[in-house]
Amino acid sequence: MRKLGPPPPLSASQLVEYLAVPHRALDARRTLLAMGGAALVEVSAGLRHPNAEVRYHCLALLDHLVVPDLFDEMIAMLRDPDARVRVMALHALACDRCKTTDCKPIQHTALPEALRLLREDSDAHVRAMAIELIGHFAHDTSVAAEALMAARMKDPSPAVRKKAGWYAPGGAIYARTAIASN
């Protein structure tokens, strides 16, 4: 009888497809993350996948593996029909803790989309995450600071108003990031 060896390793393309399968998604994501830059082409292609779970997981991967060339694709995901995908796109653009590089989104492309979401998105979680991205630019542009102050006063969600207060001028996160940027 012939012994069966281990299965052949999966390609990055196969792993991206596994992101759509709930019981395989976590292992596929870990493997893709371990592959690093070697999987970037397939992960960025996953942003156009018809399954929202795949788009979500690919953005979560790009949160760690991001390179400046992919910011435009990530910003385009802020128009995704799925709110979870928009939230993850905002997180991937805004979060500095997850990234293995120090590249950041460019203000003139990221800020207008984040402002649009804060003003127009019906999902409070999306608006709350938009605040984090806008907060990155609050020290550099009055448009960002004014949008945060307006959200603090007028957003229909108490959670969004509270978070906007943290990032707006006079808020705790605004003060902390002012100290950190000096």
N, C-alpha and C. Protein backbone atom coordinates (compact mmCIF):
# COMPACT_ATOMS: atom_id res chain seq x y z
N MET A 1 0.83 -1.17 0.00
CA MET A 1 0.00 0.00 0.00
C MET A 1 0.89 1.24 0.00
N ARG A 2 0.52 2.20 -0.80
CA ARG A 2 1.26 3.44 -0.94
C ARG A 2 0.94 4.40 0.20
N LYS A 3 1.99 4.98 0.76
CA LYS A 3 1.78 5.98 1.81
C LYS A 3 1.45 7.32 1.18
N LEU A 4 0.50 7.96 1.79
CA LEU A 4 0.16 9.30 1.34
C LEU A 4 1.02 10.31 2.08
N GLY A 5 1.60 11.21 1.34
CA GLY A 5 2.40 12.25 1.96
C GLY A 5 1.52 13.46 2.27
N PRO A 6 2.15 14.48 2.73
CA PRO A 6 1.37 15.70 3.01
C PRO A 6 0.83 16.27 1.69
N PRO A 7 -0.28 16.95 1.76
CA PRO A 7 -0.81 17.54 0.54
C PRO A 7 0.13 18.63 0.03
N PRO A 8 0.10 18.87 -1.25
CA PRO A 8 0.97 19.93 -1.78
C PRO A 8 0.55 21.28 -1.20
N PRO A 9 1.49 22.18 -1.06
CA PRO A 9 1.14 23.50 -0.49
C PRO A 9 0.16 24.21 -1.42
N LEU A 10 -0.70 24.98 -0.82
CA LEU A 10 -1.68 25.74 -1.58
C LEU A 10 -1.05 27.02 -2.12
N SER A 11 -1.49 27.43 -3.27
CA SER A 11 -1.01 28.69 -3.85
C SER A 11 -1.74 29.85 -3.17
N ALA A 12 -1.20 31.03 -3.33
CA ALA A 12 -1.84 32.22 -2.77
C ALA A 12 -3.23 32.40 -3.36
N SER A 13 -3.42 32.10 -4.62
CA SER A 13 -4.74 32.21 -5.25
C SER A 13 -5.74 31.26 -4.59
N GLN A 14 -5.32 30.03 -4.32
CA GLN A 14 -6.20 29.07 -3.66
C GLN A 14 -6.53 29.54 -2.24
N LEU A 15 -5.54 30.07 -1.56
CA LEU A 15 -5.76 30.56 -0.19
C LEU A 15 -6.75 31.73 -0.17
N VAL A 16 -6.66 32.61 -1.16
CA VAL A 16 -7.61 33.72 -1.24
C VAL A 16 -9.02 33.17 -1.41
N GLU A 17 -9.18 32.14 -2.21
CA GLU A 17 -10.51 31.53 -2.37
C GLU A 17 -10.98 30.90 -1.06
N TYR A 18 -10.07 30.36 -0.27
CA TYR A 18 -10.44 29.77 1.01
C TYR A 18 -10.94 30.82 2.00
N LEU A 19 -10.65 32.08 1.76
CA LEU A 19 -11.14 33.14 2.65
C LEU A 19 -12.66 33.22 2.65
N ALA A 20 -13.30 32.65 1.62
CA ALA A 20 -14.76 32.63 1.53
C ALA A 20 -15.38 31.48 2.31
N VAL A 21 -14.55 30.56 2.78
CA VAL A 21 -15.04 29.37 3.48
C VAL A 21 -14.83 29.59 4.98
N PRO A 22 -15.92 29.75 5.74
CA PRO A 22 -15.78 30.12 7.16
C PRO A 22 -14.81 29.26 7.95
N HIS A 23 -14.83 27.95 7.79
CA HIS A 23 -13.94 27.11 8.60
C HIS A 23 -12.51 27.06 8.07
N ARG A 24 -12.26 27.64 6.93
CA ARG A 24 -10.89 27.68 6.39
C ARG A 24 -10.29 29.08 6.38
N ALA A 25 -11.12 30.09 6.58
CA ALA A 25 -10.68 31.47 6.40
C ALA A 25 -9.52 31.86 7.32
N LEU A 26 -9.61 31.50 8.59
CA LEU A 26 -8.57 31.92 9.53
C LEU A 26 -7.21 31.32 9.19
N ASP A 27 -7.17 30.03 8.89
CA ASP A 27 -5.91 29.40 8.50
C ASP A 27 -5.38 29.97 7.19
N ALA A 28 -6.28 30.23 6.25
CA ALA A 28 -5.86 30.82 4.98
C ALA A 28 -5.27 32.20 5.21
N ARG A 29 -5.91 32.96 6.07
CA ARG A 29 -5.42 34.32 6.36
C ARG A 29 -4.05 34.28 7.02
N ARG A 30 -3.87 33.36 7.97
CA ARG A 30 -2.56 33.24 8.64
C ARG A 30 -1.47 32.85 7.64
N THR A 31 -1.80 31.93 6.75
CA THR A 31 -0.81 31.47 5.77
C THR A 31 -0.47 32.60 4.80
N LEU A 32 -1.48 33.33 4.35
CA LEU A 32 -1.22 34.45 3.44
C LEU A 32 -0.38 35.53 4.13
N LEU A 33 -0.66 35.78 5.39
CA LEU A 33 0.13 36.76 6.13
C LEU A 33 1.58 36.30 6.25
N ALA A 34 1.78 35.02 6.50
CA ALA A 34 3.14 34.48 6.59
C ALA A 34 3.87 34.56 5.24
N MET A 35 3.12 34.48 4.15
CA MET A 35 3.72 34.60 2.82
C MET A 35 4.19 36.03 2.55
N GLY A 36 3.61 36.98 3.23
CA GLY A 36 4.03 38.38 3.11
C GLY A 36 3.87 38.93 1.71
N GLY A 37 4.88 39.64 1.28
CA GLY A 37 4.86 40.30 -0.03
C GLY A 37 4.65 39.37 -1.19
N ALA A 38 4.99 38.10 -1.03
CA ALA A 38 4.82 37.13 -2.11
C ALA A 38 3.34 36.92 -2.44
N ALA A 39 2.45 37.28 -1.53
CA ALA A 39 1.02 37.08 -1.75
C ALA A 39 0.28 38.37 -2.11
N LEU A 40 1.01 39.49 -2.21
CA LEU A 40 0.34 40.79 -2.41
C LEU A 40 -0.49 40.86 -3.69
N VAL A 41 -0.01 40.30 -4.77
CA VAL A 41 -0.75 40.36 -6.02
C VAL A 41 -2.10 39.66 -5.87
N GLU A 42 -2.10 38.48 -5.29
CA GLU A 42 -3.34 37.72 -5.11
C GLU A 42 -4.26 38.37 -4.08
N VAL A 43 -3.66 38.90 -3.01
CA VAL A 43 -4.47 39.56 -1.98
C VAL A 43 -5.12 40.82 -2.55
N SER A 44 -4.37 41.61 -3.30
CA SER A 44 -4.98 42.81 -3.89
C SER A 44 -6.04 42.44 -4.92
N ALA A 45 -5.85 41.34 -5.65
CA ALA A 45 -6.89 40.87 -6.58
C ALA A 45 -8.14 40.46 -5.82
N GLY A 46 -7.97 39.97 -4.60
CA GLY A 46 -9.11 39.57 -3.77
C GLY A 46 -10.02 40.73 -3.40
N LEU A 47 -9.54 41.96 -3.54
CA LEU A 47 -10.38 43.13 -3.27
C LEU A 47 -11.53 43.24 -4.27
N ARG A 48 -11.39 42.58 -5.41
CA ARG A 48 -12.44 42.62 -6.44
C ARG A 48 -13.26 41.33 -6.46
N HIS A 49 -13.09 40.49 -5.47
CA HIS A 49 -13.80 39.21 -5.39
C HIS A 49 -15.30 39.47 -5.18
N PRO A 50 -16.17 38.64 -5.77
CA PRO A 50 -17.61 38.85 -5.58
C PRO A 50 -18.09 38.58 -4.14
N ASN A 51 -17.32 37.84 -3.36
CA ASN A 51 -17.71 37.51 -2.00
C ASN A 51 -17.17 38.57 -1.03
N ALA A 52 -18.07 39.18 -0.26
CA ALA A 52 -17.68 40.24 0.67
C ALA A 52 -16.71 39.74 1.74
N GLU A 53 -16.83 38.47 2.15
CA GLU A 53 -15.90 37.93 3.15
C GLU A 53 -14.47 37.92 2.63
N VAL A 54 -14.30 37.59 1.37
CA VAL A 54 -12.96 37.59 0.78
C VAL A 54 -12.42 39.02 0.75
N ARG A 55 -13.24 39.97 0.34
CA ARG A 55 -12.79 41.37 0.31
C ARG A 55 -12.42 41.84 1.71
N TYR A 56 -13.23 41.48 2.70
CA TYR A 56 -12.97 41.84 4.09
C TYR A 56 -11.61 41.28 4.55
N HIS A 57 -11.40 39.98 4.34
CA HIS A 57 -10.15 39.36 4.79
C HIS A 57 -8.94 39.91 4.03
N CYS A 58 -9.10 40.20 2.76
CA CYS A 58 -7.98 40.76 2.00
C CYS A 58 -7.60 42.14 2.53
N LEU A 59 -8.59 42.94 2.90
CA LEU A 59 -8.29 44.24 3.51
C LEU A 59 -7.61 44.05 4.86
N ALA A 60 -8.04 43.07 5.64
CA ALA A 60 -7.40 42.79 6.92
C ALA A 60 -5.93 42.41 6.72
N LEU A 61 -5.66 41.67 5.66
CA LEU A 61 -4.27 41.31 5.34
C LEU A 61 -3.48 42.55 4.91
N LEU A 62 -4.10 43.39 4.09
CA LEU A 62 -3.40 44.60 3.64
C LEU A 62 -3.15 45.57 4.79
N ASP A 63 -3.93 45.47 5.84
CA ASP A 63 -3.67 46.27 7.03
C ASP A 63 -2.26 45.99 7.55
N HIS A 64 -1.80 44.76 7.41
CA HIS A 64 -0.46 44.37 7.87
C HIS A 64 0.59 44.48 6.77
N LEU A 65 0.20 44.21 5.54
CA LEU A 65 1.16 44.09 4.43
C LEU A 65 1.19 45.30 3.51
N VAL A 66 0.50 46.37 3.87
CA VAL A 66 0.28 47.48 2.95
C VAL A 66 1.59 48.06 2.39
N VAL A 67 1.50 48.42 1.14
CA VAL A 67 2.56 49.16 0.46
C VAL A 67 1.89 50.37 -0.20
N PRO A 68 2.60 51.47 -0.38
CA PRO A 68 1.97 52.68 -0.93
C PRO A 68 1.25 52.46 -2.26
N ASP A 69 1.71 51.54 -3.07
CA ASP A 69 1.07 51.30 -4.37
C ASP A 69 -0.36 50.80 -4.24
N LEU A 70 -0.74 50.29 -3.08
CA LEU A 70 -2.08 49.72 -2.90
C LEU A 70 -3.07 50.68 -2.24
N PHE A 71 -2.63 51.87 -1.85
CA PHE A 71 -3.54 52.79 -1.18
C PHE A 71 -4.74 53.15 -2.04
N ASP A 72 -4.53 53.38 -3.33
CA ASP A 72 -5.68 53.74 -4.18
C ASP A 72 -6.71 52.62 -4.22
N GLU A 73 -6.26 51.38 -4.28
CA GLU A 73 -7.20 50.25 -4.28
C GLU A 73 -7.93 50.17 -2.94
N MET A 74 -7.23 50.43 -1.85
CA MET A 74 -7.86 50.38 -0.53
C MET A 74 -8.87 51.52 -0.38
N ILE A 75 -8.53 52.69 -0.89
CA ILE A 75 -9.44 53.82 -0.82
C ILE A 75 -10.69 53.54 -1.67
N ALA A 76 -10.53 52.88 -2.79
CA ALA A 76 -11.68 52.51 -3.62
C ALA A 76 -12.63 51.60 -2.84
N MET A 77 -12.11 50.82 -1.90
CA MET A 77 -12.95 49.91 -1.11
C MET A 77 -13.86 50.66 -0.14
N LEU A 78 -13.63 51.95 0.04
CA LEU A 78 -14.51 52.75 0.88
C LEU A 78 -15.88 52.94 0.24
N ARG A 79 -16.02 52.51 -0.99
CA ARG A 79 -17.32 52.56 -1.69
C ARG A 79 -17.95 51.17 -1.84
N ASP A 80 -17.40 50.19 -1.15
CA ASP A 80 -17.93 48.83 -1.21
C ASP A 80 -19.37 48.82 -0.68
N PRO A 81 -20.24 47.99 -1.27
CA PRO A 81 -21.62 47.93 -0.78
C PRO A 81 -21.76 47.31 0.61
N ASP A 82 -20.79 46.55 1.07
CA ASP A 82 -20.86 45.88 2.36
C ASP A 82 -20.23 46.76 3.45
N ALA A 83 -20.99 47.06 4.50
CA ALA A 83 -20.51 47.93 5.57
C ALA A 83 -19.28 47.36 6.27
N ARG A 84 -19.23 46.04 6.50
CA ARG A 84 -18.05 45.44 7.15
C ARG A 84 -16.79 45.67 6.33
N VAL A 85 -16.92 45.62 5.02
CA VAL A 85 -15.77 45.85 4.14
C VAL A 85 -15.34 47.32 4.24
N ARG A 86 -16.29 48.24 4.26
CA ARG A 86 -15.94 49.66 4.40
C ARG A 86 -15.24 49.90 5.73
N VAL A 87 -15.74 49.28 6.80
CA VAL A 87 -15.11 49.44 8.11
C VAL A 87 -13.67 48.93 8.07
N MET A 88 -13.46 47.76 7.49
CA MET A 88 -12.11 47.21 7.43
C MET A 88 -11.20 48.06 6.55
N ALA A 89 -11.74 48.61 5.47
CA ALA A 89 -10.93 49.49 4.62
C ALA A 89 -10.49 50.72 5.41
N LEU A 90 -11.40 51.30 6.17
CA LEU A 90 -11.05 52.45 7.00
C LEU A 90 -10.00 52.07 8.04
N HIS A 91 -10.19 50.92 8.67
CA HIS A 91 -9.20 50.47 9.67
C HIS A 91 -7.83 50.26 9.01
N ALA A 92 -7.82 49.60 7.86
CA ALA A 92 -6.55 49.32 7.18
C ALA A 92 -5.83 50.60 6.80
N LEU A 93 -6.57 51.62 6.48
CA LEU A 93 -5.96 52.90 6.12
C LEU A 93 -5.52 53.69 7.36
N ALA A 94 -6.27 53.59 8.45
CA ALA A 94 -6.03 54.44 9.61
C ALA A 94 -5.10 53.85 10.66
N CYS A 95 -5.10 52.55 10.83
CA CYS A 95 -4.40 51.94 11.96
C CYS A 95 -2.89 51.88 11.73
N ASP A 96 -2.15 52.45 12.65
CA ASP A 96 -0.68 52.40 12.58
C ASP A 96 -0.12 51.20 13.33
N ARG A 97 -0.86 50.68 14.30
CA ARG A 97 -0.34 49.58 15.13
C ARG A 97 -0.15 48.29 14.34
N CYS A 98 -1.04 48.03 13.40
CA CYS A 98 -1.01 46.75 12.68
C CYS A 98 0.07 46.67 11.61
N LYS A 99 0.48 47.80 11.11
CA LYS A 99 1.35 47.83 9.94
C LYS A 99 2.79 47.43 10.27
N THR A 100 3.39 46.73 9.33
CA THR A 100 4.80 46.37 9.47
C THR A 100 5.69 47.40 8.80
N THR A 101 5.08 48.37 8.10
CA THR A 101 5.82 49.47 7.48
C THR A 101 5.29 50.77 8.05
N ASP A 102 5.95 51.87 7.72
CA ASP A 102 5.49 53.15 8.24
C ASP A 102 4.80 53.99 7.16
N CYS A 103 4.35 53.37 6.08
CA CYS A 103 3.67 54.13 5.04
C CYS A 103 2.26 54.48 5.49
N LYS A 104 1.81 55.67 5.08
CA LYS A 104 0.50 56.18 5.47
C LYS A 104 -0.24 56.66 4.23
N PRO A 105 -1.59 56.65 4.29
CA PRO A 105 -2.35 57.12 3.14
C PRO A 105 -2.09 58.60 2.87
N ILE A 106 -2.25 58.99 1.65
CA ILE A 106 -2.03 60.37 1.24
C ILE A 106 -3.30 61.17 1.48
N GLN A 107 -3.14 62.31 2.09
CA GLN A 107 -4.28 63.12 2.52
C GLN A 107 -5.23 63.45 1.37
N HIS A 108 -4.72 63.87 0.24
CA HIS A 108 -5.62 64.36 -0.82
C HIS A 108 -6.46 63.26 -1.45
N THR A 109 -6.11 62.00 -1.25
CA THR A 109 -6.95 60.92 -1.77
C THR A 109 -7.78 60.26 -0.67
N ALA A 110 -7.24 60.12 0.51
CA ALA A 110 -7.95 59.42 1.59
C ALA A 110 -8.95 60.32 2.30
N LEU A 111 -8.60 61.55 2.57
CA LEU A 111 -9.44 62.42 3.37
C LEU A 111 -10.80 62.70 2.73
N PRO A 112 -10.89 63.02 1.45
CA PRO A 112 -12.22 63.29 0.88
C PRO A 112 -13.19 62.10 1.01
N GLU A 113 -12.68 60.90 0.83
CA GLU A 113 -13.54 59.71 0.96
C GLU A 113 -13.96 59.49 2.40
N ALA A 114 -13.05 59.70 3.34
CA ALA A 114 -13.39 59.54 4.75
C ALA A 114 -14.42 60.60 5.17
N LEU A 115 -14.27 61.82 4.69
CA LEU A 115 -15.24 62.88 4.99
C LEU A 115 -16.61 62.54 4.41
N ARG A 116 -16.63 62.00 3.21
CA ARG A 116 -17.89 61.60 2.58
C ARG A 116 -18.59 60.54 3.43
N LEU A 117 -17.84 59.55 3.88
CA LEU A 117 -18.43 58.50 4.72
C LEU A 117 -18.96 59.07 6.04
N LEU A 118 -18.22 59.96 6.64
CA LEU A 118 -18.67 60.55 7.91
C LEU A 118 -19.98 61.32 7.71
N ARG A 119 -20.10 62.00 6.60
CA ARG A 119 -21.32 62.78 6.32
C ARG A 119 -22.49 61.93 5.85
N GLU A 120 -22.21 60.90 5.01
CA GLU A 120 -23.28 60.26 4.25
C GLU A 120 -23.58 58.81 4.60
N ASP A 121 -22.66 58.08 5.20
CA ASP A 121 -22.89 56.64 5.39
C ASP A 121 -23.99 56.40 6.42
N SER A 122 -24.87 55.47 6.11
CA SER A 122 -25.98 55.16 7.02
C SER A 122 -25.55 54.29 8.20
N ASP A 123 -24.40 53.66 8.10
CA ASP A 123 -23.93 52.75 9.15
C ASP A 123 -23.07 53.51 10.17
N ALA A 124 -23.51 53.51 11.42
CA ALA A 124 -22.79 54.24 12.48
C ALA A 124 -21.38 53.70 12.69
N HIS A 125 -21.18 52.40 12.53
CA HIS A 125 -19.84 51.83 12.71
C HIS A 125 -18.90 52.35 11.63
N VAL A 126 -19.38 52.48 10.41
CA VAL A 126 -18.57 53.05 9.33
C VAL A 126 -18.20 54.49 9.66
N ARG A 127 -19.18 55.27 10.11
CA ARG A 127 -18.90 56.67 10.45
C ARG A 127 -17.89 56.76 11.59
N ALA A 128 -18.00 55.87 12.56
CA ALA A 128 -17.06 55.87 13.69
C ALA A 128 -15.64 55.57 13.21
N MET A 129 -15.50 54.63 12.30
CA MET A 129 -14.15 54.32 11.78
C MET A 129 -13.63 55.44 10.89
N ALA A 130 -14.53 56.13 10.19
CA ALA A 130 -14.10 57.27 9.36
C ALA A 130 -13.44 58.34 10.23
N ILE A 131 -13.92 58.47 11.45
CA ILE A 131 -13.35 59.45 12.38
C ILE A 131 -11.87 59.16 12.62
N GLU A 132 -11.50 57.89 12.73
CA GLU A 132 -10.08 57.56 12.98
C GLU A 132 -9.20 58.00 11.82
N LEU A 133 -9.68 57.78 10.59
CA LEU A 133 -8.88 58.20 9.44
C LEU A 133 -8.84 59.73 9.34
N ILE A 134 -9.96 60.37 9.56
CA ILE A 134 -9.99 61.84 9.52
C ILE A 134 -9.09 62.41 10.62
N GLY A 135 -9.06 61.75 11.76
CA GLY A 135 -8.23 62.19 12.87
C GLY A 135 -6.75 62.26 12.53
N HIS A 136 -6.31 61.44 11.58
CA HIS A 136 -4.91 61.50 11.14
C HIS A 136 -4.56 62.86 10.53
N PHE A 137 -5.56 63.55 10.00
CA PHE A 137 -5.31 64.79 9.28
C PHE A 137 -5.81 66.02 10.04
N ALA A 138 -6.34 65.82 11.25
CA ALA A 138 -6.96 66.92 12.00
C ALA A 138 -5.96 68.00 12.39
N HIS A 139 -4.70 67.66 12.54
CA HIS A 139 -3.69 68.67 12.89
C HIS A 139 -3.19 69.42 11.66
N ASP A 140 -3.41 68.84 10.49
CA ASP A 140 -2.86 69.41 9.26
C ASP A 140 -3.84 70.24 8.45
N THR A 141 -5.12 70.00 8.63
CA THR A 141 -6.10 70.70 7.81
C THR A 141 -7.33 71.05 8.63
N SER A 142 -7.81 72.25 8.44
CA SER A 142 -8.99 72.70 9.18
C SER A 142 -10.24 71.95 8.72
N VAL A 143 -10.26 71.46 7.48
CA VAL A 143 -11.41 70.71 6.98
C VAL A 143 -11.64 69.47 7.84
N ALA A 144 -10.58 68.76 8.17
CA ALA A 144 -10.70 67.56 9.00
C ALA A 144 -11.14 67.93 10.41
N ALA A 145 -10.52 68.94 10.99
CA ALA A 145 -10.87 69.35 12.35
C ALA A 145 -12.33 69.81 12.41
N GLU A 146 -12.77 70.57 11.43
CA GLU A 146 -14.16 71.06 11.42
C GLU A 146 -15.15 69.91 11.25
N ALA A 147 -14.82 68.93 10.43
CA ALA A 147 -15.70 67.77 10.25
C ALA A 147 -15.84 66.99 11.55
N LEU A 148 -14.76 66.85 12.28
CA LEU A 148 -14.81 66.14 13.57
C LEU A 148 -15.65 66.91 14.58
N MET A 149 -15.50 68.23 14.60
CA MET A 149 -16.29 69.03 15.53
C MET A 149 -17.78 68.98 15.17
N ALA A 150 -18.08 68.99 13.87
CA ALA A 150 -19.48 68.90 13.44
C ALA A 150 -20.07 67.54 13.82
N ALA A 151 -19.31 66.47 13.62
CA ALA A 151 -19.80 65.14 13.99
C ALA A 151 -20.01 65.03 15.50
N ARG A 152 -19.14 65.66 16.26
CA ARG A 152 -19.27 65.65 17.72
C ARG A 152 -20.58 66.29 18.16
N MET A 153 -21.04 67.26 17.40
CA MET A 153 -22.26 67.97 17.78
C MET A 153 -23.53 67.40 17.13
N LYS A 154 -23.42 66.86 15.90
CA LYS A 154 -24.63 66.59 15.12
C LYS A 154 -24.86 65.15 14.69
N ASP A 155 -23.90 64.26 14.83
CA ASP A 155 -24.13 62.91 14.34
C ASP A 155 -25.30 62.27 15.11
N PRO A 156 -26.15 61.51 14.40
CA PRO A 156 -27.29 60.90 15.09
C PRO A 156 -26.90 59.81 16.10
N SER A 157 -25.70 59.26 16.01
CA SER A 157 -25.28 58.19 16.91
C SER A 157 -24.49 58.75 18.09
N PRO A 158 -24.91 58.44 19.33
CA PRO A 158 -24.13 58.88 20.49
C PRO A 158 -22.70 58.35 20.48
N ALA A 159 -22.51 57.13 20.00
CA ALA A 159 -21.16 56.54 19.96
C ALA A 159 -20.27 57.31 18.98
N VAL A 160 -20.82 57.70 17.85
CA VAL A 160 -20.04 58.47 16.87
C VAL A 160 -19.73 59.85 17.43
N ARG A 161 -20.71 60.47 18.07
CA ARG A 161 -20.46 61.80 18.66
C ARG A 161 -19.35 61.72 19.71
N LYS A 162 -19.38 60.68 20.54
CA LYS A 162 -18.36 60.52 21.58
C LYS A 162 -16.98 60.34 20.96
N LYS A 163 -16.88 59.47 19.96
CA LYS A 163 -15.59 59.22 19.32
C LYS A 163 -15.08 60.47 18.62
N ALA A 164 -15.97 61.20 17.96
CA ALA A 164 -15.57 62.45 17.30
C ALA A 164 -15.00 63.42 18.32
N GLY A 165 -15.57 63.44 19.52
CA GLY A 165 -15.05 64.31 20.56
C GLY A 165 -13.62 63.99 20.96
N TRP A 166 -13.27 62.72 20.91
CA TRP A 166 -11.89 62.33 21.25
C TRP A 166 -10.89 62.84 20.21
N TYR A 167 -11.30 62.80 18.93
CA TYR A 167 -10.39 63.14 17.83
C TYR A 167 -10.43 64.61 17.44
N ALA A 168 -11.49 65.33 17.84
CA ALA A 168 -11.64 66.74 17.50
C ALA A 168 -10.70 67.59 18.36
N PRO A 169 -10.39 68.81 17.91
CA PRO A 169 -9.59 69.71 18.74
C PRO A 169 -10.19 69.84 20.14
N GLY A 170 -9.33 69.68 21.14
CA GLY A 170 -9.76 69.70 22.53
C GLY A 170 -9.98 68.30 23.10
N GLY A 171 -10.05 67.30 22.23
CA GLY A 171 -10.27 65.93 22.68
C GLY A 171 -8.98 65.25 23.10
N ALA A 172 -9.13 64.15 23.82
CA ALA A 172 -7.97 63.44 24.38
C ALA A 172 -7.04 62.89 23.31
N ILE A 173 -7.59 62.29 22.27
CA ILE A 173 -6.73 61.72 21.22
C ILE A 173 -6.10 62.84 20.40
N TYR A 174 -6.85 63.89 20.16
CA TYR A 174 -6.28 65.04 19.44
C TYR A 174 -5.07 65.58 20.21
N ALA A 175 -5.19 65.74 21.52
CA ALA A 175 -4.09 66.25 22.34
C ALA A 175 -2.90 65.28 22.32
N ARG A 176 -3.19 63.99 22.45
CA ARG A 176 -2.10 63.00 22.48
C ARG A 176 -1.36 62.96 21.15
N THR A 177 -2.10 63.04 20.04
CA THR A 177 -1.43 62.97 18.74
C THR A 177 -0.69 64.27 18.43
N ALA A 178 -1.12 65.38 19.02
CA ALA A 178 -0.38 66.64 18.85
C ALA A 178 0.97 66.54 19.52
N ILE A 179 1.00 65.92 20.71
CA ILE A 179 2.26 65.72 21.43
C ILE A 179 3.16 64.76 20.67
N ALA A 180 2.59 63.70 20.15
CA ALA A 180 3.37 62.68 19.43
C ALA A 180 3.94 63.22 18.13
N SER A 181 3.24 64.17 17.49
CA SER A 181 3.72 64.67 16.20
C SER A 181 4.78 65.75 16.36
N ASN A 182 4.98 66.25 17.58
CA ASN A 182 6.01 67.29 17.80
C ASN A 182 7.36 66.71 18.00
